[in-house]
Amino acid sequence: NPVALTHPNGDFQQKDIPFIVIWLVLGALFFTLRMGFINFRGFGHALDLAKGKYDDPNAPGQVTHFQALATAVSGTVGLGNIAGVAVAVSLGGAGATFWMIIAGLLGMSSKFVECTLGVKYRFIN
């Protein structure tokens, strides 16, 4: 039989949603709506960029689109995230997988806005 978790004083433990999680979800929903569902509309274009369809050998710089993408992903996804996903799936099952997919889709809009602002305000030396 399941037993509820209690504090040392006997009170039942409650797991509230942290404010930062709510803030990130609301921000991602805002950017998804404001950018016209760019996370769905721009997916094909993102694949074309990663495949090198728009690479120009005469462009300034030494990094291709794919190399920049790989560097950004390696900086974002680490061993802790990979292990965290494995633990979440093993403990939460299909429900955890569903919510990770939703979080990923919403996170695409936030990442799009972040990268767009980075490109708009960058310096090329």
PDB file of N, CA and C in Angstrom:
ATOM      1  N   ASN A   1       0.839  -1.189   0.000  1.00  0.00           N
ATOM      2  CA  ASN A   1       0.000   0.000   0.000  1.00  0.00           C
ATOM      3  C   ASN A   1       0.880   1.246   0.000  1.00  0.00           C
ATOM      4  N   PRO A   2       0.511   2.270  -0.784  1.00  0.00           N
ATOM      5  CA  PRO A   2       1.305   3.502  -0.797  1.00  0.00           C
ATOM      6  C   PRO A   2       1.199   4.241   0.539  1.00  0.00           C
ATOM      7  N   VAL A   3       2.326   4.814   0.942  1.00  0.00           N
ATOM      8  CA  VAL A   3       2.388   5.566   2.196  1.00  0.00           C
ATOM      9  C   VAL A   3       2.779   6.998   1.854  1.00  0.00           C
ATOM     10  N   ALA A   4       2.044   7.971   2.400  1.00  0.00           N
ATOM     11  CA  ALA A   4       2.343   9.376   2.142  1.00  0.00           C
ATOM     12  C   ALA A   4       3.633   9.775   2.833  1.00  0.00           C
ATOM     13  N   LEU A   5       4.411  10.656   2.158  1.00  0.00           N
ATOM     14  CA  LEU A   5       5.637  11.169   2.759  1.00  0.00           C
ATOM     15  C   LEU A   5       5.296  12.210   3.816  1.00  0.00           C
ATOM     16  N   THR A   6       6.018  12.165   4.932  1.00  0.00           N
ATOM     17  CA  THR A   6       5.775  13.129   6.003  1.00  0.00           C
ATOM     18  C   THR A   6       7.085  13.786   6.415  1.00  0.00           C
ATOM     19  N   HIS A   7       6.948  14.979   6.977  1.00  0.00           N
ATOM     20  CA  HIS A   7       8.086  15.679   7.577  1.00  0.00           C
ATOM     21  C   HIS A   7       8.412  15.002   8.908  1.00  0.00           C
ATOM     22  N   PRO A   8       9.594  15.302   9.481  1.00  0.00           N
ATOM     23  CA  PRO A   8       9.912  14.708  10.780  1.00  0.00           C
ATOM     24  C   PRO A   8       8.893  15.024  11.876  1.00  0.00           C
ATOM     25  N   ASN A   9       8.184  16.175  11.751  1.00  0.00           N
ATOM     26  CA  ASN A   9       7.185  16.523  12.768  1.00  0.00           C
ATOM     27  C   ASN A   9       5.830  15.855  12.518  1.00  0.00           C
ATOM     28  N   GLY A  10       5.695  15.068  11.438  1.00  0.00           N
ATOM     29  CA  GLY A  10       4.470  14.338  11.172  1.00  0.00           C
ATOM     30  C   GLY A  10       3.559  14.981  10.145  1.00  0.00           C
ATOM     31  N   ASP A  11       3.841  16.241   9.734  1.00  0.00           N
ATOM     32  CA  ASP A  11       3.023  16.898   8.706  1.00  0.00           C
ATOM     33  C   ASP A  11       3.261  16.239   7.352  1.00  0.00           C
ATOM     34  N   PHE A  12       2.210  16.213   6.534  1.00  0.00           N
ATOM     35  CA  PHE A  12       2.348  15.660   5.196  1.00  0.00           C
ATOM     36  C   PHE A  12       3.163  16.604   4.324  1.00  0.00           C
ATOM     37  N   GLN A  13       4.034  16.029   3.487  1.00  0.00           N
ATOM     38  CA  GLN A  13       4.836  16.831   2.571  1.00  0.00           C
ATOM     39  C   GLN A  13       3.997  17.192   1.352  1.00  0.00           C
ATOM     40  N   GLN A  14       4.121  18.450   0.914  1.00  0.00           N
ATOM     41  CA  GLN A  14       3.447  18.902  -0.294  1.00  0.00           C
ATOM     42  C   GLN A  14       4.506  19.350  -1.284  1.00  0.00           C
ATOM     43  N   LYS A  15       4.342  18.968  -2.515  1.00  0.00           N
ATOM     44  CA  LYS A  15       5.274  19.363  -3.569  1.00  0.00           C
ATOM     45  C   LYS A  15       4.609  20.444  -4.408  1.00  0.00           C
ATOM     46  N   ASP A  16       4.967  21.699  -4.150  1.00  0.00           N
ATOM     47  CA  ASP A  16       4.432  22.811  -4.907  1.00  0.00           C
ATOM     48  C   ASP A  16       5.270  23.032  -6.164  1.00  0.00           C
ATOM     49  N   ILE A  17       4.664  23.634  -7.178  1.00  0.00           N
ATOM     50  CA  ILE A  17       5.388  23.951  -8.407  1.00  0.00           C
ATOM     51  C   ILE A  17       6.234  25.193  -8.141  1.00  0.00           C
ATOM     52  N   PRO A  18       7.542  25.130  -8.417  1.00  0.00           N
ATOM     53  CA  PRO A  18       8.388  26.312  -8.215  1.00  0.00           C
ATOM     54  C   PRO A  18       7.971  27.450  -9.142  1.00  0.00           C
ATOM     55  N   PHE A  19       8.127  28.678  -8.676  1.00  0.00           N
ATOM     56  CA  PHE A  19       7.734  29.860  -9.441  1.00  0.00           C
ATOM     57  C   PHE A  19       8.483  29.937 -10.766  1.00  0.00           C
ATOM     58  N   ILE A  20       9.745  29.548 -10.785  1.00  0.00           N
ATOM     59  CA  ILE A  20      10.533  29.647 -12.013  1.00  0.00           C
ATOM     60  C   ILE A  20       9.969  28.745 -13.103  1.00  0.00           C
ATOM     61  N   VAL A  21       9.409  27.612 -12.751  1.00  0.00           N
ATOM     62  CA  VAL A  21       8.811  26.709 -13.745  1.00  0.00           C
ATOM     63  C   VAL A  21       7.580  27.364 -14.363  1.00  0.00           C
ATOM     64  N   ILE A  22       6.765  27.971 -13.526  1.00  0.00           N
ATOM     65  CA  ILE A  22       5.575  28.668 -14.023  1.00  0.00           C
ATOM     66  C   ILE A  22       5.985  29.828 -14.930  1.00  0.00           C
ATOM     67  N   TRP A  23       7.004  30.566 -14.513  1.00  0.00           N
ATOM     68  CA  TRP A  23       7.492  31.717 -15.285  1.00  0.00           C
ATOM     69  C   TRP A  23       8.004  31.266 -16.659  1.00  0.00           C
ATOM     70  N   LEU A  24       8.765  30.176 -16.710  1.00  0.00           N
ATOM     71  CA  LEU A  24       9.292  29.681 -17.976  1.00  0.00           C
ATOM     72  C   LEU A  24       8.183  29.168 -18.891  1.00  0.00           C
ATOM     73  N   VAL A  25       7.197  28.487 -18.331  1.00  0.00           N
ATOM     74  CA  VAL A  25       6.084  27.986 -19.146  1.00  0.00           C
ATOM     75  C   VAL A  25       5.271  29.142 -19.716  1.00  0.00           C
ATOM     76  N   LEU A  26       4.988  30.150 -18.890  1.00  0.00           N
ATOM     77  CA  LEU A  26       4.228  31.309 -19.387  1.00  0.00           C
ATOM     78  C   LEU A  26       5.016  32.062 -20.456  1.00  0.00           C
ATOM     79  N   GLY A  27       6.328  32.212 -20.246  1.00  0.00           N
ATOM     80  CA  GLY A  27       7.157  32.869 -21.255  1.00  0.00           C
ATOM     81  C   GLY A  27       7.180  32.099 -22.561  1.00  0.00           C
ATOM     82  N   ALA A  28       7.314  30.782 -22.479  1.00  0.00           N
ATOM     83  CA  ALA A  28       7.336  29.956 -23.686  1.00  0.00           C
ATOM     84  C   ALA A  28       5.985  30.005 -24.411  1.00  0.00           C
ATOM     85  N   LEU A  29       4.891  29.978 -23.656  1.00  0.00           N
ATOM     86  CA  LEU A  29       3.568  30.102 -24.286  1.00  0.00           C
ATOM     87  C   LEU A  29       3.403  31.457 -24.959  1.00  0.00           C
ATOM     88  N   PHE A  30       3.874  32.520 -24.307  1.00  0.00           N
ATOM     89  CA  PHE A  30       3.792  33.857 -24.893  1.00  0.00           C
ATOM     90  C   PHE A  30       4.575  33.914 -26.198  1.00  0.00           C
ATOM     91  N   PHE A  31       5.818  33.416 -26.183  1.00  0.00           N
ATOM     92  CA  PHE A  31       6.629  33.467 -27.394  1.00  0.00           C
ATOM     93  C   PHE A  31       6.070  32.563 -28.486  1.00  0.00           C
ATOM     94  N   THR A  32       5.475  31.443 -28.123  1.00  0.00           N
ATOM     95  CA  THR A  32       4.860  30.563 -29.118  1.00  0.00           C
ATOM     96  C   THR A  32       3.722  31.283 -29.818  1.00  0.00           C
ATOM     97  N   LEU A  33       2.870  31.942 -29.054  1.00  0.00           N
ATOM     98  CA  LEU A  33       1.744  32.669 -29.649  1.00  0.00           C
ATOM     99  C   LEU A  33       2.214  33.917 -30.391  1.00  0.00           C
ATOM    100  N   ARG A  34       3.128  34.675 -29.806  1.00  0.00           N
ATOM    101  CA  ARG A  34       3.597  35.934 -30.391  1.00  0.00           C
ATOM    102  C   ARG A  34       4.325  35.707 -31.712  1.00  0.00           C
ATOM    103  N   MET A  35       5.073  34.625 -31.812  1.00  0.00           N
ATOM    104  CA  MET A  35       5.828  34.339 -33.029  1.00  0.00           C
ATOM    105  C   MET A  35       5.046  33.470 -34.013  1.00  0.00           C
ATOM    106  N   GLY A  36       3.776  33.256 -33.758  1.00  0.00           N
ATOM    107  CA  GLY A  36       2.923  32.527 -34.700  1.00  0.00           C
ATOM    108  C   GLY A  36       3.276  31.058 -34.832  1.00  0.00           C
ATOM    109  N   PHE A  37       3.532  30.401 -33.710  1.00  0.00           N
ATOM    110  CA  PHE A  37       3.853  28.979 -33.679  1.00  0.00           C
ATOM    111  C   PHE A  37       5.083  28.657 -34.531  1.00  0.00           C
ATOM    112  N   ILE A  38       6.141  29.463 -34.323  1.00  0.00           N
ATOM    113  CA  ILE A  38       7.372  29.286 -35.094  1.00  0.00           C
ATOM    114  C   ILE A  38       8.003  27.927 -34.839  1.00  0.00           C
ATOM    115  N   ASN A  39       7.751  27.337 -33.675  1.00  0.00           N
ATOM    116  CA  ASN A  39       8.333  26.031 -33.380  1.00  0.00           C
ATOM    117  C   ASN A  39       7.800  24.949 -34.317  1.00  0.00           C
ATOM    118  N   PHE A  40       6.641  25.134 -34.915  1.00  0.00           N
ATOM    119  CA  PHE A  40       6.103  24.185 -35.885  1.00  0.00           C
ATOM    120  C   PHE A  40       6.377  24.642 -37.319  1.00  0.00           C
ATOM    121  N   ARG A  41       6.177  25.944 -37.579  1.00  0.00           N
ATOM    122  CA  ARG A  41       6.356  26.466 -38.930  1.00  0.00           C
ATOM    123  C   ARG A  41       7.800  26.408 -39.401  1.00  0.00           C
ATOM    124  N   GLY A  42       8.751  26.643 -38.511  1.00  0.00           N
ATOM    125  CA  GLY A  42      10.150  26.735 -38.913  1.00  0.00           C
ATOM    126  C   GLY A  42      10.939  25.454 -38.796  1.00  0.00           C
ATOM    127  N   PHE A  43      10.285  24.352 -38.496  1.00  0.00           N
ATOM    128  CA  PHE A  43      11.014  23.105 -38.269  1.00  0.00           C
ATOM    129  C   PHE A  43      11.718  22.618 -39.536  1.00  0.00           C
ATOM    130  N   GLY A  44      11.049  22.678 -40.676  1.00  0.00           N
ATOM    131  CA  GLY A  44      11.663  22.258 -41.936  1.00  0.00           C
ATOM    132  C   GLY A  44      12.844  23.133 -42.313  1.00  0.00           C
ATOM    133  N   HIS A  45      12.709  24.428 -42.102  1.00  0.00           N
ATOM    134  CA  HIS A  45      13.808  25.358 -42.392  1.00  0.00           C
ATOM    135  C   HIS A  45      15.007  25.064 -41.488  1.00  0.00           C
ATOM    136  N   ALA A  46      14.740  24.730 -40.233  1.00  0.00           N
ATOM    137  CA  ALA A  46      15.828  24.396 -39.309  1.00  0.00           C
ATOM    138  C   ALA A  46      16.575  23.154 -39.786  1.00  0.00           C
ATOM    139  N   LEU A  47      15.859  22.168 -40.291  1.00  0.00           N
ATOM    140  CA  LEU A  47      16.520  20.969 -40.824  1.00  0.00           C
ATOM    141  C   LEU A  47      17.360  21.308 -42.054  1.00  0.00           C
ATOM    142  N   ASP A  48      16.846  22.182 -42.923  1.00  0.00           N
ATOM    143  CA  ASP A  48      17.618  22.606 -44.097  1.00  0.00           C
ATOM    144  C   ASP A  48      18.897  23.331 -43.690  1.00  0.00           C
ATOM    145  N   LEU A  49      18.814  24.183 -42.680  1.00  0.00           N
ATOM    146  CA  LEU A  49      20.005  24.879 -42.197  1.00  0.00           C
ATOM    147  C   LEU A  49      21.035  23.900 -41.647  1.00  0.00           C
ATOM    148  N   ALA A  50      20.582  22.939 -40.885  1.00  0.00           N
ATOM    149  CA  ALA A  50      21.502  21.962 -40.294  1.00  0.00           C
ATOM    150  C   ALA A  50      22.145  21.081 -41.362  1.00  0.00           C
ATOM    151  N   LYS A  51      21.418  20.799 -42.446  1.00  0.00           N
ATOM    152  CA  LYS A  51      21.965  19.982 -43.524  1.00  0.00           C
ATOM    153  C   LYS A  51      22.946  20.757 -44.395  1.00  0.00           C
ATOM    154  N   GLY A  52      22.991  22.074 -44.263  1.00  0.00           N
ATOM    155  CA  GLY A  52      23.946  22.864 -45.033  1.00  0.00           C
ATOM    156  C   GLY A  52      23.416  23.379 -46.349  1.00  0.00           C
ATOM    157  N   LYS A  53      22.116  23.436 -46.511  1.00  0.00           N
ATOM    158  CA  LYS A  53      21.524  23.881 -47.769  1.00  0.00           C
ATOM    159  C   LYS A  53      21.877  25.345 -48.074  1.00  0.00           C
ATOM    160  N   TYR A  54      22.051  26.163 -47.045  1.00  0.00           N
ATOM    161  CA  TYR A  54      22.290  27.590 -47.231  1.00  0.00           C
ATOM    162  C   TYR A  54      23.745  27.987 -46.963  1.00  0.00           C
ATOM    163  N   ASP A  55      24.671  27.020 -46.862  1.00  0.00           N
ATOM    164  CA  ASP A  55      26.074  27.341 -46.602  1.00  0.00           C
ATOM    165  C   ASP A  55      26.688  28.068 -47.789  1.00  0.00           C
ATOM    166  N   ASP A  56      27.454  29.098 -47.496  1.00  0.00           N
ATOM    167  CA  ASP A  56      28.171  29.861 -48.511  1.00  0.00           C
ATOM    168  C   ASP A  56      29.662  29.733 -48.223  1.00  0.00           C
ATOM    169  N   PRO A  57      30.439  29.131 -49.116  1.00  0.00           N
ATOM    170  CA  PRO A  57      31.864  28.955 -48.826  1.00  0.00           C
ATOM    171  C   PRO A  57      32.622  30.276 -48.729  1.00  0.00           C
ATOM    172  N   ASN A  58      32.074  31.352 -49.279  1.00  0.00           N
ATOM    173  CA  ASN A  58      32.741  32.662 -49.237  1.00  0.00           C
ATOM    174  C   ASN A  58      32.288  33.518 -48.058  1.00  0.00           C
ATOM    175  N   ALA A  59      31.451  32.993 -47.196  1.00  0.00           N
ATOM    176  CA  ALA A  59      30.949  33.760 -46.050  1.00  0.00           C
ATOM    177  C   ALA A  59      32.082  33.981 -45.046  1.00  0.00           C
ATOM    178  N   PRO A  60      32.039  35.123 -44.314  1.00  0.00           N
ATOM    179  CA  PRO A  60      33.080  35.353 -43.314  1.00  0.00           C
ATOM    180  C   PRO A  60      32.944  34.378 -42.152  1.00  0.00           C
ATOM    181  N   GLY A  61      34.065  34.027 -41.551  1.00  0.00           N
ATOM    182  CA  GLY A  61      34.059  33.112 -40.413  1.00  0.00           C
ATOM    183  C   GLY A  61      34.514  31.725 -40.820  1.00  0.00           C
ATOM    184  N   GLN A  62      34.763  30.895 -39.821  1.00  0.00           N
ATOM    185  CA  GLN A  62      35.292  29.564 -40.076  1.00  0.00           C
ATOM    186  C   GLN A  62      34.347  28.463 -39.625  1.00  0.00           C
ATOM    187  N   VAL A  63      33.164  28.813 -39.127  1.00  0.00           N
ATOM    188  CA  VAL A  63      32.248  27.826 -38.563  1.00  0.00           C
ATOM    189  C   VAL A  63      31.024  27.710 -39.464  1.00  0.00           C
ATOM    190  N   THR A  64      30.661  26.487 -39.841  1.00  0.00           N
ATOM    191  CA  THR A  64      29.466  26.278 -40.652  1.00  0.00           C
ATOM    192  C   THR A  64      28.224  26.308 -39.759  1.00  0.00           C
ATOM    193  N   HIS A  65      27.068  26.307 -40.400  1.00  0.00           N
ATOM    194  CA  HIS A  65      25.818  26.288 -39.639  1.00  0.00           C
ATOM    195  C   HIS A  65      25.729  25.053 -38.753  1.00  0.00           C
ATOM    196  N   PHE A  66      26.117  23.912 -39.311  1.00  0.00           N
ATOM    197  CA  PHE A  66      26.028  22.674 -38.537  1.00  0.00           C
ATOM    198  C   PHE A  66      26.995  22.680 -37.363  1.00  0.00           C
ATOM    199  N   GLN A  67      28.204  23.207 -37.557  1.00  0.00           N
ATOM    200  CA  GLN A  67      29.170  23.278 -36.460  1.00  0.00           C
ATOM    201  C   GLN A  67      28.665  24.200 -35.352  1.00  0.00           C
ATOM    202  N   ALA A  68      28.039  25.304 -35.730  1.00  0.00           N
ATOM    203  CA  ALA A  68      27.470  26.209 -34.725  1.00  0.00           C
ATOM    204  C   ALA A  68      26.335  25.531 -33.974  1.00  0.00           C
ATOM    205  N   LEU A  69      25.485  24.790 -34.694  1.00  0.00           N
ATOM    206  CA  LEU A  69      24.390  24.061 -34.059  1.00  0.00           C
ATOM    207  C   LEU A  69      24.927  23.010 -33.101  1.00  0.00           C
ATOM    208  N   ALA A  70      25.922  22.245 -33.541  1.00  0.00           N
ATOM    209  CA  ALA A  70      26.487  21.200 -32.690  1.00  0.00           C
ATOM    210  C   ALA A  70      27.109  21.788 -31.429  1.00  0.00           C
ATOM    211  N   THR A  71      27.774  22.933 -31.561  1.00  0.00           N
ATOM    212  CA  THR A  71      28.368  23.592 -30.395  1.00  0.00           C
ATOM    213  C   THR A  71      27.294  24.083 -29.436  1.00  0.00           C
ATOM    214  N   ALA A  72      26.236  24.671 -29.974  1.00  0.00           N
ATOM    215  CA  ALA A  72      25.149  25.171 -29.118  1.00  0.00           C
ATOM    216  C   ALA A  72      24.446  24.026 -28.399  1.00  0.00           C
ATOM    217  N   VAL A  73      24.212  22.927 -29.108  1.00  0.00           N
ATOM    218  CA  VAL A  73      23.541  21.778 -28.490  1.00  0.00           C
ATOM    219  C   VAL A  73      24.430  21.155 -27.423  1.00  0.00           C
ATOM    220  N   SER A  74      25.725  21.048 -27.702  1.00  0.00           N
ATOM    221  CA  SER A  74      26.618  20.454 -26.700  1.00  0.00           C
ATOM    222  C   SER A  74      26.724  21.332 -25.463  1.00  0.00           C
ATOM    223  N   GLY A  75      26.576  22.642 -25.631  1.00  0.00           N
ATOM    224  CA  GLY A  75      26.591  23.527 -24.464  1.00  0.00           C
ATOM    225  C   GLY A  75      25.287  23.485 -23.685  1.00  0.00           C
ATOM    226  N   THR A  76      24.204  23.128 -24.356  1.00  0.00           N
ATOM    227  CA  THR A  76      22.895  23.101 -23.708  1.00  0.00           C
ATOM    228  C   THR A  76      22.595  21.747 -23.072  1.00  0.00           C
ATOM    229  N   VAL A  77      22.894  20.683 -23.806  1.00  0.00           N
ATOM    230  CA  VAL A  77      22.574  19.335 -23.336  1.00  0.00           C
ATOM    231  C   VAL A  77      23.847  18.725 -22.767  1.00  0.00           C
ATOM    232  N   GLY A  78      23.795  18.358 -21.537  1.00  0.00           N
ATOM    233  CA  GLY A  78      24.948  17.743 -20.908  1.00  0.00           C
ATOM    234  C   GLY A  78      24.616  16.363 -20.393  1.00  0.00           C
ATOM    235  N   LEU A  79      25.574  15.769 -19.741  1.00  0.00           N
ATOM    236  CA  LEU A  79      25.385  14.422 -19.209  1.00  0.00           C
ATOM    237  C   LEU A  79      24.276  14.403 -18.159  1.00  0.00           C
ATOM    238  N   GLY A  80      24.148  15.483 -17.381  1.00  0.00           N
ATOM    239  CA  GLY A  80      23.091  15.546 -16.367  1.00  0.00           C
ATOM    240  C   GLY A  80      21.707  15.512 -16.977  1.00  0.00           C
ATOM    241  N   ASN A  81      21.531  16.186 -18.111  1.00  0.00           N
ATOM    242  CA  ASN A  81      20.227  16.162 -18.776  1.00  0.00           C
ATOM    243  C   ASN A  81      19.922  14.788 -19.345  1.00  0.00           C
ATOM    244  N   ILE A  82      20.931  14.144 -19.904  1.00  0.00           N
ATOM    245  CA  ILE A  82      20.716  12.813 -20.469  1.00  0.00           C
ATOM    246  C   ILE A  82      20.360  11.827 -19.364  1.00  0.00           C
ATOM    247  N   ALA A  83      21.097  11.886 -18.260  1.00  0.00           N
ATOM    248  CA  ALA A  83      20.799  10.999 -17.134  1.00  0.00           C
ATOM    249  C   ALA A  83      19.450  11.351 -16.519  1.00  0.00           C
ATOM    250  N   GLY A  84      19.114  12.652 -16.484  1.00  0.00           N
ATOM    251  CA  GLY A  84      17.825  13.078 -15.936  1.00  0.00           C
ATOM    252  C   GLY A  84      16.660  12.549 -16.743  1.00  0.00           C
ATOM    253  N   VAL A  85      16.797  12.539 -18.053  1.00  0.00           N
ATOM    254  CA  VAL A  85      15.748  11.992 -18.912  1.00  0.00           C
ATOM    255  C   VAL A  85      15.592  10.498 -18.656  1.00  0.00           C
ATOM    256  N   ALA A  86      16.700   9.785 -18.530  1.00  0.00           N
ATOM    257  CA  ALA A  86      16.631   8.345 -18.284  1.00  0.00           C
ATOM    258  C   ALA A  86      15.938   8.050 -16.955  1.00  0.00           C
ATOM    259  N   VAL A  87      16.253   8.830 -15.931  1.00  0.00           N
ATOM    260  CA  VAL A  87      15.618   8.625 -14.627  1.00  0.00           C
ATOM    261  C   VAL A  87      14.140   8.974 -14.702  1.00  0.00           C
ATOM    262  N   ALA A  88      13.809  10.094 -15.372  1.00  0.00           N
ATOM    263  CA  ALA A  88      12.409  10.502 -15.473  1.00  0.00           C
ATOM    264  C   ALA A  88      11.572   9.464 -16.209  1.00  0.00           C
ATOM    265  N   VAL A  89      12.093   8.909 -17.283  1.00  0.00           N
ATOM    266  CA  VAL A  89      11.351   7.905 -18.038  1.00  0.00           C
ATOM    267  C   VAL A  89      11.204   6.625 -17.221  1.00  0.00           C
ATOM    268  N   SER A  90      12.264   6.241 -16.504  1.00  0.00           N
ATOM    269  CA  SER A  90      12.164   5.010 -15.719  1.00  0.00           C
ATOM    270  C   SER A  90      11.199   5.156 -14.547  1.00  0.00           C
ATOM    271  N   LEU A  91      11.120   6.359 -13.965  1.00  0.00           N
ATOM    272  CA  LEU A  91      10.212   6.567 -12.831  1.00  0.00           C
ATOM    273  C   LEU A  91       8.810   6.994 -13.256  1.00  0.00           C
ATOM    274  N   GLY A  92       8.730   7.823 -14.309  1.00  0.00           N
ATOM    275  CA  GLY A  92       7.448   8.392 -14.691  1.00  0.00           C
ATOM    276  C   GLY A  92       6.761   7.715 -15.850  1.00  0.00           C
ATOM    277  N   GLY A  93       7.509   6.980 -16.655  1.00  0.00           N
ATOM    278  CA  GLY A  93       6.915   6.260 -17.778  1.00  0.00           C
ATOM    279  C   GLY A  93       6.416   7.183 -18.872  1.00  0.00           C
ATOM    280  N   ALA A  94       5.257   6.839 -19.420  1.00  0.00           N
ATOM    281  CA  ALA A  94       4.706   7.568 -20.557  1.00  0.00           C
ATOM    282  C   ALA A  94       4.324   8.999 -20.199  1.00  0.00           C
ATOM    283  N   GLY A  95       3.885   9.219 -18.981  1.00  0.00           N
ATOM    284  CA  GLY A  95       3.530  10.578 -18.561  1.00  0.00           C
ATOM    285  C   GLY A  95       4.722  11.507 -18.578  1.00  0.00           C
ATOM    286  N   ALA A  96       5.860  11.033 -18.099  1.00  0.00           N
ATOM    287  CA  ALA A  96       7.075  11.846 -18.118  1.00  0.00           C
ATOM    288  C   ALA A  96       7.516  12.125 -19.546  1.00  0.00           C
ATOM    289  N   THR A  97       7.399  11.135 -20.409  1.00  0.00           N
ATOM    290  CA  THR A  97       7.761  11.326 -21.812  1.00  0.00           C
ATOM    291  C   THR A  97       6.871  12.370 -22.468  1.00  0.00           C
ATOM    292  N   PHE A  98       5.577  12.314 -22.213  1.00  0.00           N
ATOM    293  CA  PHE A  98       4.644  13.291 -22.777  1.00  0.00           C
ATOM    294  C   PHE A  98       5.005  14.712 -22.339  1.00  0.00           C
ATOM    295  N   TRP A  99       5.259  14.921 -21.055  1.00  0.00           N
ATOM    296  CA  TRP A  99       5.555  16.263 -20.567  1.00  0.00           C
ATOM    297  C   TRP A  99       6.919  16.749 -21.034  1.00  0.00           C
ATOM    298  N   MET A 100       7.860  15.836 -21.257  1.00  0.00           N
ATOM    299  CA  MET A 100       9.150  16.251 -21.818  1.00  0.00           C
ATOM    300  C   MET A 100       8.989  16.694 -23.270  1.00  0.00           C
ATOM    301  N   ILE A 101       8.108  16.041 -24.017  1.00  0.00           N
ATOM    302  CA  ILE A 101       7.844  16.455 -25.395  1.00  0.00           C
ATOM    303  C   ILE A 101       7.190  17.832 -25.412  1.00  0.00           C
ATOM    304  N   ILE A 102       6.216  18.061 -24.546  1.00  0.00           N
ATOM    305  CA  ILE A 102       5.558  19.374 -24.473  1.00  0.00           C
ATOM    306  C   ILE A 102       6.568  20.453 -24.079  1.00  0.00           C
ATOM    307  N   ALA A 103       7.414  20.155 -23.097  1.00  0.00           N
ATOM    308  CA  ALA A 103       8.430  21.130 -22.671  1.00  0.00           C
ATOM    309  C   ALA A 103       9.410  21.422 -23.805  1.00  0.00           C
ATOM    310  N   GLY A 104       9.767  20.399 -24.572  1.00  0.00           N
ATOM    311  CA  GLY A 104      10.662  20.609 -25.703  1.00  0.00           C
ATOM    312  C   GLY A 104      10.043  21.472 -26.782  1.00  0.00           C
ATOM    313  N   LEU A 105       8.772  21.239 -27.085  1.00  0.00           N
ATOM    314  CA  LEU A 105       8.090  22.048 -28.101  1.00  0.00           C
ATOM    315  C   LEU A 105       7.975  23.503 -27.670  1.00  0.00           C
ATOM    316  N   LEU A 106       7.645  23.732 -26.402  1.00  0.00           N
ATOM    317  CA  LEU A 106       7.559  25.103 -25.916  1.00  0.00           C
ATOM    318  C   LEU A 106       8.945  25.747 -25.821  1.00  0.00           C
ATOM    319  N   GLY A 107       9.937  24.939 -25.481  1.00  0.00           N
ATOM    320  CA  GLY A 107      11.295  25.461 -25.379  1.00  0.00           C
ATOM    321  C   GLY A 107      11.855  25.902 -26.719  1.00  0.00           C
ATOM    322  N   MET A 108      11.346  25.328 -27.812  1.00  0.00           N
ATOM    323  CA  MET A 108      11.798  25.743 -29.141  1.00  0.00           C
ATOM    324  C   MET A 108      11.510  27.215 -29.390  1.00  0.00           C
ATOM    325  N   SER A 109      10.354  27.687 -28.952  1.00  0.00           N
ATOM    326  CA  SER A 109      10.009  29.097 -29.154  1.00  0.00           C
ATOM    327  C   SER A 109      10.921  30.002 -28.338  1.00  0.00           C
ATOM    328  N   SER A 110      11.200  29.612 -27.107  1.00  0.00           N
ATOM    329  CA  SER A 110      12.097  30.409 -26.273  1.00  0.00           C
ATOM    330  C   SER A 110      13.493  30.456 -26.867  1.00  0.00           C
ATOM    331  N   LYS A 111      13.971  29.320 -27.359  1.00  0.00           N
ATOM    332  CA  LYS A 111      15.301  29.260 -27.967  1.00  0.00           C
ATOM    333  C   LYS A 111      15.344  30.072 -29.250  1.00  0.00           C
ATOM    334  N   PHE A 112      14.264  30.062 -30.037  1.00  0.00           N
ATOM    335  CA  PHE A 112      14.212  30.851 -31.256  1.00  0.00           C
ATOM    336  C   PHE A 112      14.354  32.334 -30.943  1.00  0.00           C
ATOM    337  N   VAL A 113      13.615  32.813 -29.956  1.00  0.00           N
ATOM    338  CA  VAL A 113      13.682  34.231 -29.586  1.00  0.00           C
ATOM    339  C   VAL A 113      15.077  34.566 -29.062  1.00  0.00           C
ATOM    340  N   GLU A 114      15.650  33.688 -28.245  1.00  0.00           N
ATOM    341  CA  GLU A 114      16.993  33.903 -27.707  1.00  0.00           C
ATOM    342  C   GLU A 114      18.025  34.009 -28.830  1.00  0.00           C
ATOM    343  N   CYS A 115      17.979  33.097 -29.784  1.00  0.00           N
ATOM    344  CA  CYS A 115      18.945  33.100 -30.885  1.00  0.00           C
ATOM    345  C   CYS A 115      18.716  34.281 -31.823  1.00  0.00           C
ATOM    346  N   THR A 116      17.470  34.647 -32.060  1.00  0.00           N
ATOM    347  CA  THR A 116      17.171  35.785 -32.910  1.00  0.00           C
ATOM    348  C   THR A 116      17.738  37.072 -32.314  1.00  0.00           C
ATOM    349  N   LEU A 117      17.572  37.259 -31.021  1.00  0.00           N
ATOM    350  CA  LEU A 117      18.144  38.442 -30.372  1.00  0.00           C
ATOM    351  C   LEU A 117      19.666  38.403 -30.404  1.00  0.00           C
ATOM    352  N   GLY A 118      20.256  37.216 -30.262  1.00  0.00           N
ATOM    353  CA  GLY A 118      21.705  37.087 -30.339  1.00  0.00           C
ATOM    354  C   GLY A 118      22.238  37.467 -31.701  1.00  0.00           C
ATOM    355  N   VAL A 119      21.539  37.071 -32.770  1.00  0.00           N
ATOM    356  CA  VAL A 119      21.966  37.416 -34.126  1.00  0.00           C
ATOM    357  C   VAL A 119      21.758  38.901 -34.395  1.00  0.00           C
ATOM    358  N   LYS A 120      20.663  39.449 -33.892  1.00  0.00           N
ATOM    359  CA  LYS A 120      20.376  40.866 -34.149  1.00  0.00           C
ATOM    360  C   LYS A 120      21.412  41.778 -33.520  1.00  0.00           C
ATOM    361  N   TYR A 121      21.903  41.437 -32.345  1.00  0.00           N
ATOM    362  CA  TYR A 121      22.807  42.329 -31.613  1.00  0.00           C
ATOM    363  C   TYR A 121      24.264  41.837 -31.614  1.00  0.00           C
ATOM    364  N   ARG A 122      24.642  40.996 -32.560  1.00  0.00           N
ATOM    365  CA  ARG A 122      26.015  40.473 -32.574  1.00  0.00           C
ATOM    366  C   ARG A 122      26.961  41.452 -33.272  1.00  0.00           C
ATOM    367  N   PHE A 123      28.253  41.268 -32.985  1.00  0.00           N
ATOM    368  CA  PHE A 123      29.332  41.992 -33.650  1.00  0.00           C
ATOM    369  C   PHE A 123      30.126  41.013 -34.479  1.00  0.00           C
ATOM    370  N   ILE A 124      30.510  41.380 -35.656  1.00  0.00           N
ATOM    371  CA  ILE A 124      31.413  40.562 -36.462  1.00  0.00           C
ATOM    372  C   ILE A 124      32.705  41.345 -36.586  1.00  0.00           C
ATOM    373  N   ASN A 125      33.776  40.838 -35.980  1.00  0.00           N
ATOM    374  CA  ASN A 125      35.075  41.522 -36.001  1.00  0.00           C
ATOM    375  C   ASN A 125      35.871  41.084 -37.216  1.00  0.00           C
TER     376      ASN A 125
END
